[in-house]
Amino acid sequence: MAKTRPMLAHISDARHRAIVERVIDAFEEHAAPVIPGLRAQIVHNDMNSYNVVMEASRPEMVSGILDFGDMIHSPLICDLAIGAVYRWPAQGHPLAPAARFVSGYQSVQPLEAEEIGILFDLIRARLALIANIASWQAERFPAKRDYVLRLATEVWTSLERLDELSSAAARRYFLDHSNPE
């Protein structure tokens, strides 16, 4: 995460740049020290809506996963955080769709306290990476600008809404709203 700090210069909006900087700071303070001690395995590392196939007759059911090119040995919680990022909240609490996603995950693989403790920081970190890297790529590779910025509106909206939450409030929300019933 810290390696992307130099890319901040490519985010033209000062308010957005400040949000990404706060996310990097929070990640380094809260998540980075915890990550080495977490459960880890080979994970997909890019579980977004373009890489998940849903069952036609039951759209709430996953029937396949595509694109294994980003697989990596990483903490399990990182894969969950990446998938949770792509649950764009249209309205209501900004973590509501992510909490439903986490609840489904926990019905199969319960989270440990340390994992839920950094989930918010990991979700924000993924969003910040998307925004930061896309801004850099759009400037460096103008021919790919439209492609790399295709999710910019959703990403910035999510980052802005999540910036209003404290890490403690987010952890509490996940604890209260993502336990499987």
N, C-alpha and C. Protein backbone atom coordinates (compact mmCIF):
# COMPACT_ATOMS: atom_id res chain seq x y z
N MET A 1 0.83 -1.19 0.00
CA MET A 1 0.00 0.00 0.00
C MET A 1 0.87 1.25 0.00
N ALA A 2 1.89 1.26 0.85
CA ALA A 2 2.76 2.44 0.96
C ALA A 2 3.50 2.71 -0.35
N LYS A 3 3.75 1.65 -1.12
CA LYS A 3 4.46 1.81 -2.38
C LYS A 3 3.69 2.66 -3.38
N THR A 4 2.37 2.80 -3.17
CA THR A 4 1.57 3.59 -4.11
C THR A 4 1.51 5.07 -3.72
N ARG A 5 2.10 5.45 -2.61
CA ARG A 5 2.07 6.86 -2.18
C ARG A 5 2.53 7.82 -3.27
N PRO A 6 3.61 7.52 -4.00
CA PRO A 6 4.04 8.45 -5.06
C PRO A 6 2.97 8.67 -6.14
N MET A 7 2.06 7.73 -6.32
CA MET A 7 1.01 7.86 -7.32
C MET A 7 -0.05 8.88 -6.92
N LEU A 8 -0.07 9.26 -5.64
CA LEU A 8 -1.05 10.26 -5.18
C LEU A 8 -0.99 11.53 -6.01
N ALA A 9 0.16 11.85 -6.51
CA ALA A 9 0.34 13.07 -7.32
C ALA A 9 -0.53 13.06 -8.57
N HIS A 10 -0.99 11.89 -8.99
CA HIS A 10 -1.79 11.78 -10.21
C HIS A 10 -3.30 11.92 -9.95
N ILE A 11 -3.67 12.06 -8.69
CA ILE A 11 -5.07 12.30 -8.34
C ILE A 11 -5.25 13.81 -8.32
N SER A 12 -5.94 14.34 -9.32
CA SER A 12 -6.02 15.79 -9.49
C SER A 12 -6.90 16.48 -8.43
N ASP A 13 -7.93 15.83 -7.96
CA ASP A 13 -8.83 16.42 -6.98
C ASP A 13 -8.18 16.34 -5.58
N ALA A 14 -7.92 17.48 -4.97
CA ALA A 14 -7.23 17.53 -3.67
C ALA A 14 -8.01 16.80 -2.58
N ARG A 15 -9.32 16.88 -2.61
CA ARG A 15 -10.14 16.19 -1.61
C ARG A 15 -10.01 14.68 -1.76
N HIS A 16 -10.04 14.20 -2.98
CA HIS A 16 -9.87 12.78 -3.23
C HIS A 16 -8.47 12.32 -2.84
N ARG A 17 -7.48 13.11 -3.18
CA ARG A 17 -6.10 12.78 -2.83
C ARG A 17 -5.97 12.64 -1.31
N ALA A 18 -6.60 13.55 -0.57
CA ALA A 18 -6.54 13.51 0.90
C ALA A 18 -7.22 12.25 1.45
N ILE A 19 -8.32 11.85 0.84
CA ILE A 19 -9.02 10.63 1.28
C ILE A 19 -8.09 9.43 1.11
N VAL A 20 -7.48 9.30 -0.06
CA VAL A 20 -6.60 8.17 -0.32
C VAL A 20 -5.41 8.19 0.64
N GLU A 21 -4.89 9.36 0.92
CA GLU A 21 -3.78 9.46 1.87
C GLU A 21 -4.21 9.00 3.27
N ARG A 22 -5.41 9.37 3.70
CA ARG A 22 -5.92 8.93 5.00
C ARG A 22 -6.08 7.41 5.02
N VAL A 23 -6.54 6.84 3.91
CA VAL A 23 -6.72 5.40 3.83
C VAL A 23 -5.37 4.70 3.95
N ILE A 24 -4.37 5.19 3.24
CA ILE A 24 -3.03 4.60 3.32
C ILE A 24 -2.51 4.68 4.75
N ASP A 25 -2.68 5.83 5.38
CA ASP A 25 -2.23 6.00 6.77
C ASP A 25 -2.92 5.00 7.69
N ALA A 26 -4.24 4.87 7.56
CA ALA A 26 -5.01 3.95 8.40
C ALA A 26 -4.59 2.50 8.17
N PHE A 27 -4.38 2.15 6.90
CA PHE A 27 -3.93 0.80 6.59
C PHE A 27 -2.60 0.50 7.27
N GLU A 28 -1.67 1.43 7.14
CA GLU A 28 -0.34 1.21 7.74
C GLU A 28 -0.41 1.13 9.26
N GLU A 29 -1.31 1.89 9.86
CA GLU A 29 -1.44 1.89 11.32
C GLU A 29 -2.19 0.68 11.85
N HIS A 30 -3.33 0.33 11.21
CA HIS A 30 -4.21 -0.71 11.75
C HIS A 30 -4.02 -2.09 11.13
N ALA A 31 -3.92 -2.17 9.82
CA ALA A 31 -3.92 -3.47 9.13
C ALA A 31 -2.53 -4.06 8.95
N ALA A 32 -1.59 -3.27 8.49
CA ALA A 32 -0.26 -3.81 8.17
C ALA A 32 0.38 -4.57 9.33
N PRO A 33 0.30 -4.08 10.56
CA PRO A 33 0.93 -4.84 11.65
C PRO A 33 0.24 -6.18 11.95
N VAL A 34 -1.05 -6.30 11.63
CA VAL A 34 -1.83 -7.50 11.95
C VAL A 34 -1.70 -8.57 10.87
N ILE A 35 -1.57 -8.16 9.64
CA ILE A 35 -1.62 -9.06 8.49
C ILE A 35 -0.68 -10.27 8.60
N PRO A 36 0.56 -10.12 9.03
CA PRO A 36 1.45 -11.29 9.07
C PRO A 36 0.97 -12.44 9.96
N GLY A 37 0.13 -12.16 10.94
CA GLY A 37 -0.34 -13.20 11.85
C GLY A 37 -1.68 -13.82 11.47
N LEU A 38 -2.25 -13.45 10.35
CA LEU A 38 -3.57 -13.94 9.96
C LEU A 38 -3.50 -15.24 9.18
N ARG A 39 -4.64 -15.98 9.17
CA ARG A 39 -4.75 -17.19 8.36
C ARG A 39 -4.54 -16.81 6.89
N ALA A 40 -3.77 -17.63 6.18
CA ALA A 40 -3.48 -17.31 4.78
C ALA A 40 -3.54 -18.59 3.94
N GLN A 41 -3.79 -18.39 2.66
CA GLN A 41 -3.81 -19.48 1.68
C GLN A 41 -3.78 -18.85 0.29
N ILE A 42 -3.83 -19.65 -0.73
CA ILE A 42 -3.95 -19.13 -2.09
C ILE A 42 -5.36 -18.57 -2.23
N VAL A 43 -5.47 -17.32 -2.68
CA VAL A 43 -6.77 -16.67 -2.86
C VAL A 43 -6.90 -16.14 -4.28
N HIS A 44 -8.12 -15.91 -4.72
CA HIS A 44 -8.41 -15.42 -6.06
C HIS A 44 -7.81 -14.03 -6.28
N ASN A 45 -8.02 -13.13 -5.35
CA ASN A 45 -7.43 -11.79 -5.32
C ASN A 45 -8.05 -10.80 -6.31
N ASP A 46 -9.15 -11.15 -6.94
CA ASP A 46 -9.81 -10.19 -7.83
C ASP A 46 -11.29 -10.56 -7.99
N MET A 47 -11.93 -10.84 -6.88
CA MET A 47 -13.32 -11.28 -6.89
C MET A 47 -14.25 -10.09 -7.09
N ASN A 48 -14.38 -9.66 -8.33
CA ASN A 48 -15.26 -8.53 -8.65
C ASN A 48 -16.39 -9.02 -9.54
N SER A 49 -17.32 -8.14 -9.84
CA SER A 49 -18.52 -8.53 -10.59
C SER A 49 -18.22 -9.00 -12.02
N TYR A 50 -17.05 -8.69 -12.54
CA TYR A 50 -16.68 -9.16 -13.88
C TYR A 50 -16.14 -10.59 -13.83
N ASN A 51 -15.78 -11.08 -12.64
CA ASN A 51 -15.16 -12.39 -12.51
C ASN A 51 -16.04 -13.43 -11.82
N VAL A 52 -17.28 -13.07 -11.56
CA VAL A 52 -18.21 -13.99 -10.90
C VAL A 52 -19.40 -14.24 -11.82
N VAL A 53 -19.73 -15.51 -12.01
CA VAL A 53 -20.88 -15.90 -12.84
C VAL A 53 -22.00 -16.32 -11.89
N MET A 54 -23.15 -15.71 -12.08
CA MET A 54 -24.30 -16.01 -11.23
C MET A 54 -25.22 -17.00 -11.95
N GLU A 55 -25.90 -17.83 -11.17
CA GLU A 55 -26.84 -18.79 -11.71
C GLU A 55 -28.04 -18.04 -12.29
N ALA A 56 -28.42 -18.32 -13.53
CA ALA A 56 -29.49 -17.59 -14.21
C ALA A 56 -30.83 -17.69 -13.49
N SER A 57 -31.19 -18.86 -13.02
CA SER A 57 -32.49 -19.04 -12.37
C SER A 57 -32.49 -18.58 -10.91
N ARG A 58 -31.32 -18.45 -10.31
CA ARG A 58 -31.20 -18.00 -8.92
C ARG A 58 -30.03 -17.02 -8.85
N PRO A 59 -30.26 -15.75 -9.21
CA PRO A 59 -29.16 -14.78 -9.31
C PRO A 59 -28.41 -14.52 -8.01
N GLU A 60 -28.92 -15.01 -6.90
CA GLU A 60 -28.19 -14.85 -5.64
C GLU A 60 -27.13 -15.95 -5.45
N MET A 61 -27.11 -16.93 -6.36
CA MET A 61 -26.19 -18.06 -6.27
C MET A 61 -25.05 -17.94 -7.28
N VAL A 62 -23.84 -18.09 -6.79
CA VAL A 62 -22.66 -18.08 -7.65
C VAL A 62 -22.56 -19.46 -8.31
N SER A 63 -22.39 -19.45 -9.64
CA SER A 63 -22.25 -20.72 -10.35
C SER A 63 -20.85 -20.89 -10.94
N GLY A 64 -20.05 -19.84 -10.91
CA GLY A 64 -18.69 -19.96 -11.43
C GLY A 64 -17.85 -18.74 -11.13
N ILE A 65 -16.56 -18.94 -11.22
CA ILE A 65 -15.59 -17.86 -11.01
C ILE A 65 -14.62 -17.88 -12.18
N LEU A 66 -14.29 -16.70 -12.69
CA LEU A 66 -13.40 -16.56 -13.84
C LEU A 66 -12.12 -15.82 -13.46
N ASP A 67 -11.14 -15.83 -14.34
CA ASP A 67 -9.93 -15.02 -14.27
C ASP A 67 -9.12 -15.29 -13.01
N PHE A 68 -8.27 -16.29 -13.11
CA PHE A 68 -7.43 -16.66 -11.98
C PHE A 68 -6.02 -16.08 -12.10
N GLY A 69 -5.85 -15.06 -12.92
CA GLY A 69 -4.54 -14.47 -13.17
C GLY A 69 -3.95 -13.66 -12.03
N ASP A 70 -4.77 -13.28 -11.06
CA ASP A 70 -4.27 -12.49 -9.94
C ASP A 70 -4.11 -13.31 -8.66
N MET A 71 -4.20 -14.63 -8.76
CA MET A 71 -4.11 -15.46 -7.57
C MET A 71 -2.78 -15.22 -6.85
N ILE A 72 -2.87 -15.30 -5.51
CA ILE A 72 -1.71 -15.00 -4.68
C ILE A 72 -1.88 -15.69 -3.32
N HIS A 73 -0.79 -15.96 -2.65
CA HIS A 73 -0.85 -16.44 -1.27
C HIS A 73 -1.02 -15.21 -0.40
N SER A 74 -2.14 -15.16 0.31
CA SER A 74 -2.50 -13.94 1.05
C SER A 74 -3.44 -14.31 2.19
N PRO A 75 -3.59 -13.43 3.17
CA PRO A 75 -4.60 -13.69 4.20
C PRO A 75 -5.99 -13.85 3.58
N LEU A 76 -6.76 -14.79 4.11
CA LEU A 76 -8.11 -15.05 3.62
C LEU A 76 -8.96 -13.79 3.64
N ILE A 77 -8.82 -12.99 4.67
CA ILE A 77 -9.63 -11.79 4.83
C ILE A 77 -9.42 -10.81 3.68
N CYS A 78 -8.26 -10.82 3.07
CA CYS A 78 -8.01 -9.92 1.94
C CYS A 78 -8.91 -10.26 0.76
N ASP A 79 -9.11 -11.54 0.50
CA ASP A 79 -9.99 -11.95 -0.61
C ASP A 79 -11.43 -11.53 -0.31
N LEU A 80 -11.85 -11.70 0.93
CA LEU A 80 -13.19 -11.27 1.32
C LEU A 80 -13.34 -9.76 1.17
N ALA A 81 -12.34 -9.01 1.59
CA ALA A 81 -12.39 -7.55 1.49
C ALA A 81 -12.51 -7.11 0.03
N ILE A 82 -11.77 -7.75 -0.85
CA ILE A 82 -11.83 -7.41 -2.27
C ILE A 82 -13.24 -7.64 -2.81
N GLY A 83 -13.82 -8.77 -2.49
CA GLY A 83 -15.19 -9.06 -2.94
C GLY A 83 -16.20 -8.09 -2.36
N ALA A 84 -16.00 -7.70 -1.11
CA ALA A 84 -16.93 -6.76 -0.44
C ALA A 84 -16.88 -5.37 -1.06
N VAL A 85 -15.75 -5.01 -1.62
CA VAL A 85 -15.59 -3.68 -2.24
C VAL A 85 -16.62 -3.45 -3.33
N TYR A 86 -16.93 -4.48 -4.09
CA TYR A 86 -17.78 -4.32 -5.27
C TYR A 86 -19.27 -4.39 -4.95
N ARG A 87 -19.63 -4.27 -3.70
CA ARG A 87 -21.03 -4.19 -3.29
C ARG A 87 -21.35 -2.73 -3.10
N TRP A 88 -21.60 -2.01 -4.20
CA TRP A 88 -21.81 -0.56 -4.16
C TRP A 88 -23.11 -0.24 -3.43
N PRO A 89 -23.03 0.57 -2.40
CA PRO A 89 -24.26 0.94 -1.68
C PRO A 89 -25.01 2.06 -2.39
N ALA A 90 -26.20 1.77 -2.87
CA ALA A 90 -27.00 2.78 -3.55
C ALA A 90 -27.55 3.79 -2.55
N GLN A 91 -27.94 3.30 -1.40
CA GLN A 91 -28.47 4.17 -0.36
C GLN A 91 -28.31 3.46 0.96
N GLY A 92 -28.67 4.12 2.04
CA GLY A 92 -28.54 3.51 3.35
C GLY A 92 -27.11 3.52 3.84
N HIS A 93 -26.83 2.66 4.78
CA HIS A 93 -25.50 2.59 5.38
C HIS A 93 -24.48 2.16 4.32
N PRO A 94 -23.33 2.83 4.24
CA PRO A 94 -22.36 2.50 3.19
C PRO A 94 -21.77 1.10 3.29
N LEU A 95 -21.90 0.45 4.45
CA LEU A 95 -21.37 -0.90 4.60
C LEU A 95 -22.44 -1.99 4.52
N ALA A 96 -23.70 -1.60 4.33
CA ALA A 96 -24.79 -2.59 4.34
C ALA A 96 -24.59 -3.70 3.30
N PRO A 97 -24.33 -3.40 2.03
CA PRO A 97 -24.15 -4.49 1.06
C PRO A 97 -22.91 -5.34 1.39
N ALA A 98 -21.85 -4.71 1.84
CA ALA A 98 -20.64 -5.46 2.21
C ALA A 98 -20.93 -6.37 3.40
N ALA A 99 -21.70 -5.89 4.37
CA ALA A 99 -22.03 -6.71 5.54
C ALA A 99 -22.84 -7.94 5.15
N ARG A 100 -23.75 -7.79 4.18
CA ARG A 100 -24.51 -8.96 3.70
C ARG A 100 -23.57 -9.96 3.03
N PHE A 101 -22.62 -9.46 2.27
CA PHE A 101 -21.62 -10.30 1.60
C PHE A 101 -20.78 -11.03 2.65
N VAL A 102 -20.35 -10.31 3.67
CA VAL A 102 -19.54 -10.89 4.74
C VAL A 102 -20.35 -11.94 5.50
N SER A 103 -21.62 -11.69 5.70
CA SER A 103 -22.49 -12.64 6.39
C SER A 103 -22.54 -13.96 5.62
N GLY A 104 -22.68 -13.88 4.31
CA GLY A 104 -22.68 -15.09 3.49
C GLY A 104 -21.36 -15.85 3.61
N TYR A 105 -20.27 -15.12 3.61
CA TYR A 105 -18.94 -15.73 3.77
C TYR A 105 -18.85 -16.44 5.12
N GLN A 106 -19.29 -15.73 6.15
CA GLN A 106 -19.18 -16.27 7.51
C GLN A 106 -20.08 -17.49 7.73
N SER A 107 -21.10 -17.64 6.91
CA SER A 107 -21.95 -18.83 7.06
C SER A 107 -21.18 -20.10 6.69
N VAL A 108 -20.09 -19.92 5.94
CA VAL A 108 -19.25 -21.05 5.54
C VAL A 108 -17.90 -21.02 6.27
N GLN A 109 -17.33 -19.84 6.42
CA GLN A 109 -16.00 -19.68 7.02
C GLN A 109 -16.03 -18.53 8.02
N PRO A 110 -16.29 -18.82 9.30
CA PRO A 110 -16.34 -17.74 10.30
C PRO A 110 -15.03 -16.96 10.38
N LEU A 111 -15.17 -15.67 10.58
CA LEU A 111 -14.01 -14.79 10.70
C LEU A 111 -13.48 -14.80 12.12
N GLU A 112 -12.18 -14.59 12.23
CA GLU A 112 -11.55 -14.44 13.54
C GLU A 112 -11.60 -12.96 13.93
N ALA A 113 -11.47 -12.67 15.21
CA ALA A 113 -11.57 -11.30 15.71
C ALA A 113 -10.58 -10.36 15.02
N GLU A 114 -9.35 -10.82 14.82
CA GLU A 114 -8.35 -9.97 14.17
C GLU A 114 -8.72 -9.65 12.73
N GLU A 115 -9.36 -10.61 12.06
CA GLU A 115 -9.77 -10.41 10.67
C GLU A 115 -10.87 -9.37 10.58
N ILE A 116 -11.90 -9.52 11.39
CA ILE A 116 -13.00 -8.55 11.36
C ILE A 116 -12.49 -7.19 11.81
N GLY A 117 -11.47 -7.19 12.66
CA GLY A 117 -10.90 -5.94 13.16
C GLY A 117 -10.26 -5.08 12.09
N ILE A 118 -9.77 -5.70 11.01
CA ILE A 118 -9.12 -4.90 9.96
C ILE A 118 -9.90 -4.91 8.64
N LEU A 119 -11.06 -5.56 8.63
CA LEU A 119 -11.83 -5.66 7.39
C LEU A 119 -12.13 -4.29 6.76
N PHE A 120 -12.56 -3.35 7.56
CA PHE A 120 -12.87 -2.00 7.06
C PHE A 120 -11.63 -1.37 6.42
N ASP A 121 -10.49 -1.49 7.09
CA ASP A 121 -9.26 -0.92 6.54
C ASP A 121 -8.87 -1.58 5.23
N LEU A 122 -9.12 -2.89 5.12
CA LEU A 122 -8.81 -3.60 3.88
C LEU A 122 -9.75 -3.21 2.75
N ILE A 123 -11.02 -3.04 3.05
CA ILE A 123 -11.99 -2.61 2.03
C ILE A 123 -11.61 -1.23 1.52
N ARG A 124 -11.36 -0.31 2.43
CA ARG A 124 -10.96 1.04 2.01
C ARG A 124 -9.64 1.02 1.26
N ALA A 125 -8.72 0.16 1.68
CA ALA A 125 -7.43 0.08 1.00
C ALA A 125 -7.59 -0.37 -0.44
N ARG A 126 -8.45 -1.37 -0.67
CA ARG A 126 -8.67 -1.83 -2.04
C ARG A 126 -9.28 -0.72 -2.90
N LEU A 127 -10.27 -0.01 -2.35
CA LEU A 127 -10.86 1.11 -3.08
C LEU A 127 -9.81 2.17 -3.38
N ALA A 128 -8.99 2.49 -2.39
CA ALA A 128 -7.95 3.50 -2.59
C ALA A 128 -6.94 3.07 -3.63
N LEU A 129 -6.59 1.79 -3.63
CA LEU A 129 -5.67 1.28 -4.65
C LEU A 129 -6.27 1.39 -6.04
N ILE A 130 -7.54 1.03 -6.17
CA ILE A 130 -8.21 1.14 -7.46
C ILE A 130 -8.16 2.58 -7.94
N ALA A 131 -8.52 3.52 -7.08
CA ALA A 131 -8.55 4.94 -7.45
C ALA A 131 -7.16 5.46 -7.76
N ASN A 132 -6.21 5.14 -6.91
CA ASN A 132 -4.85 5.65 -7.06
C ASN A 132 -4.18 5.12 -8.33
N ILE A 133 -4.26 3.82 -8.52
CA ILE A 133 -3.63 3.21 -9.69
C ILE A 133 -4.33 3.63 -10.97
N ALA A 134 -5.66 3.70 -10.95
CA ALA A 134 -6.40 4.13 -12.15
C ALA A 134 -6.04 5.56 -12.54
N SER A 135 -5.91 6.44 -11.56
CA SER A 135 -5.52 7.83 -11.86
C SER A 135 -4.14 7.88 -12.51
N TRP A 136 -3.23 7.10 -11.98
CA TRP A 136 -1.87 7.03 -12.52
C TRP A 136 -1.89 6.45 -13.94
N GLN A 137 -2.63 5.35 -14.13
CA GLN A 137 -2.69 4.72 -15.45
C GLN A 137 -3.36 5.62 -16.48
N ALA A 138 -4.42 6.33 -16.08
CA ALA A 138 -5.13 7.21 -17.01
C ALA A 138 -4.22 8.30 -17.54
N GLU A 139 -3.34 8.80 -16.68
CA GLU A 139 -2.41 9.84 -17.10
C GLU A 139 -1.26 9.25 -17.92
N ARG A 140 -0.78 8.11 -17.51
CA ARG A 140 0.37 7.50 -18.17
C ARG A 140 0.02 6.84 -19.50
N PHE A 141 -1.20 6.28 -19.59
CA PHE A 141 -1.64 5.57 -20.80
C PHE A 141 -2.97 6.15 -21.27
N PRO A 142 -2.96 7.33 -21.91
CA PRO A 142 -4.21 7.99 -22.30
C PRO A 142 -5.13 7.14 -23.17
N ALA A 143 -4.60 6.24 -23.96
CA ALA A 143 -5.43 5.40 -24.82
C ALA A 143 -6.30 4.45 -23.99
N LYS A 144 -5.89 4.15 -22.77
CA LYS A 144 -6.64 3.25 -21.89
C LYS A 144 -7.48 4.01 -20.86
N ARG A 145 -7.51 5.32 -20.95
CA ARG A 145 -8.17 6.17 -19.95
C ARG A 145 -9.60 5.73 -19.64
N ASP A 146 -10.42 5.56 -20.65
CA ASP A 146 -11.82 5.18 -20.42
C ASP A 146 -11.93 3.85 -19.71
N TYR A 147 -11.08 2.90 -20.10
CA TYR A 147 -11.13 1.57 -19.49
C TYR A 147 -10.70 1.63 -18.02
N VAL A 148 -9.58 2.26 -17.73
CA VAL A 148 -9.08 2.26 -16.35
C VAL A 148 -9.93 3.11 -15.41
N LEU A 149 -10.69 4.05 -15.97
CA LEU A 149 -11.55 4.89 -15.13
C LEU A 149 -13.02 4.47 -15.15
N ARG A 150 -13.31 3.28 -15.69
CA ARG A 150 -14.70 2.84 -15.85
C ARG A 150 -15.46 2.72 -14.53
N LEU A 151 -14.77 2.50 -13.44
CA LEU A 151 -15.42 2.37 -12.14
C LEU A 151 -15.21 3.59 -11.25
N ALA A 152 -14.65 4.65 -11.81
CA ALA A 152 -14.26 5.81 -11.01
C ALA A 152 -15.40 6.40 -10.19
N THR A 153 -16.56 6.56 -10.78
CA THR A 153 -17.69 7.16 -10.06
C THR A 153 -18.05 6.33 -8.83
N GLU A 154 -18.19 5.01 -9.00
CA GLU A 154 -18.55 4.14 -7.88
C GLU A 154 -17.45 4.12 -6.82
N VAL A 155 -16.21 4.06 -7.26
CA VAL A 155 -15.09 4.01 -6.32
C VAL A 155 -15.01 5.29 -5.49
N TRP A 156 -15.06 6.44 -6.14
CA TRP A 156 -14.96 7.70 -5.39
C TRP A 156 -16.17 7.91 -4.48
N THR A 157 -17.35 7.54 -4.96
CA THR A 157 -18.54 7.66 -4.11
C THR A 157 -18.39 6.79 -2.87
N SER A 158 -17.93 5.56 -3.06
CA SER A 158 -17.74 4.67 -1.92
C SER A 158 -16.67 5.20 -0.97
N LEU A 159 -15.56 5.65 -1.51
CA LEU A 159 -14.50 6.20 -0.65
C LEU A 159 -14.98 7.41 0.14
N GLU A 160 -15.74 8.28 -0.52
CA GLU A 160 -16.27 9.47 0.17
C GLU A 160 -17.20 9.06 1.31
N ARG A 161 -18.09 8.11 1.03
CA ARG A 161 -19.05 7.69 2.07
C ARG A 161 -18.34 6.95 3.21
N LEU A 162 -17.38 6.13 2.88
CA LEU A 162 -16.65 5.40 3.92
C LEU A 162 -15.73 6.31 4.73
N ASP A 163 -15.30 7.40 4.12
CA ASP A 163 -14.43 8.35 4.81
C ASP A 163 -15.15 8.99 6.01
N GLU A 164 -16.47 8.95 5.99
CA GLU A 164 -17.26 9.54 7.08
C GLU A 164 -17.35 8.61 8.29
N LEU A 165 -16.90 7.37 8.15
CA LEU A 165 -16.96 6.39 9.24
C LEU A 165 -15.61 6.26 9.94
N SER A 166 -15.66 6.01 11.22
CA SER A 166 -14.42 5.69 11.93
C SER A 166 -14.20 4.18 11.81
N SER A 167 -12.97 3.75 12.02
CA SER A 167 -12.68 2.32 12.00
C SER A 167 -13.47 1.59 13.08
N ALA A 168 -13.60 2.21 14.25
CA ALA A 168 -14.34 1.59 15.35
C ALA A 168 -15.82 1.43 14.99
N ALA A 169 -16.42 2.45 14.39
CA ALA A 169 -17.82 2.37 14.00
C ALA A 169 -18.02 1.30 12.92
N ALA A 170 -17.09 1.20 12.00
CA ALA A 170 -17.19 0.20 10.94
C ALA A 170 -17.07 -1.21 11.52
N ARG A 171 -16.11 -1.42 12.43
CA ARG A 171 -15.97 -2.73 13.07
C ARG A 171 -17.26 -3.11 13.79
N ARG A 172 -17.82 -2.16 14.52
CA ARG A 172 -19.07 -2.41 15.24
C ARG A 172 -20.18 -2.78 14.26
N TYR A 173 -20.26 -2.06 13.13
CA TYR A 173 -21.29 -2.34 12.13
C TYR A 173 -21.14 -3.77 11.61
N PHE A 174 -19.92 -4.16 11.27
CA PHE A 174 -19.70 -5.53 10.77
C PHE A 174 -20.06 -6.56 11.82
N LEU A 175 -19.69 -6.32 13.06
CA LEU A 175 -20.02 -7.26 14.13
C LEU A 175 -21.53 -7.39 14.31
N ASP A 176 -22.24 -6.28 14.20
CA ASP A 176 -23.68 -6.27 14.41
C ASP A 176 -24.48 -6.75 13.20
N HIS A 177 -23.93 -6.63 12.00
CA HIS A 177 -24.72 -6.87 10.79
C HIS A 177 -24.20 -7.96 9.86
N SER A 178 -23.11 -8.62 10.20
CA SER A 178 -22.59 -9.61 9.26
C SER A 178 -22.47 -11.00 9.87
N ASN A 179 -23.11 -11.22 10.99
CA ASN A 179 -23.10 -12.57 11.54
C ASN A 179 -24.19 -13.38 10.86
N PRO A 180 -23.85 -14.60 10.43
CA PRO A 180 -24.87 -15.42 9.77
C PRO A 180 -25.98 -15.78 10.76
N GLU A 181 -27.18 -15.84 10.24
CA GLU A 181 -28.33 -16.13 11.11
C GLU A 181 -28.60 -17.60 11.19
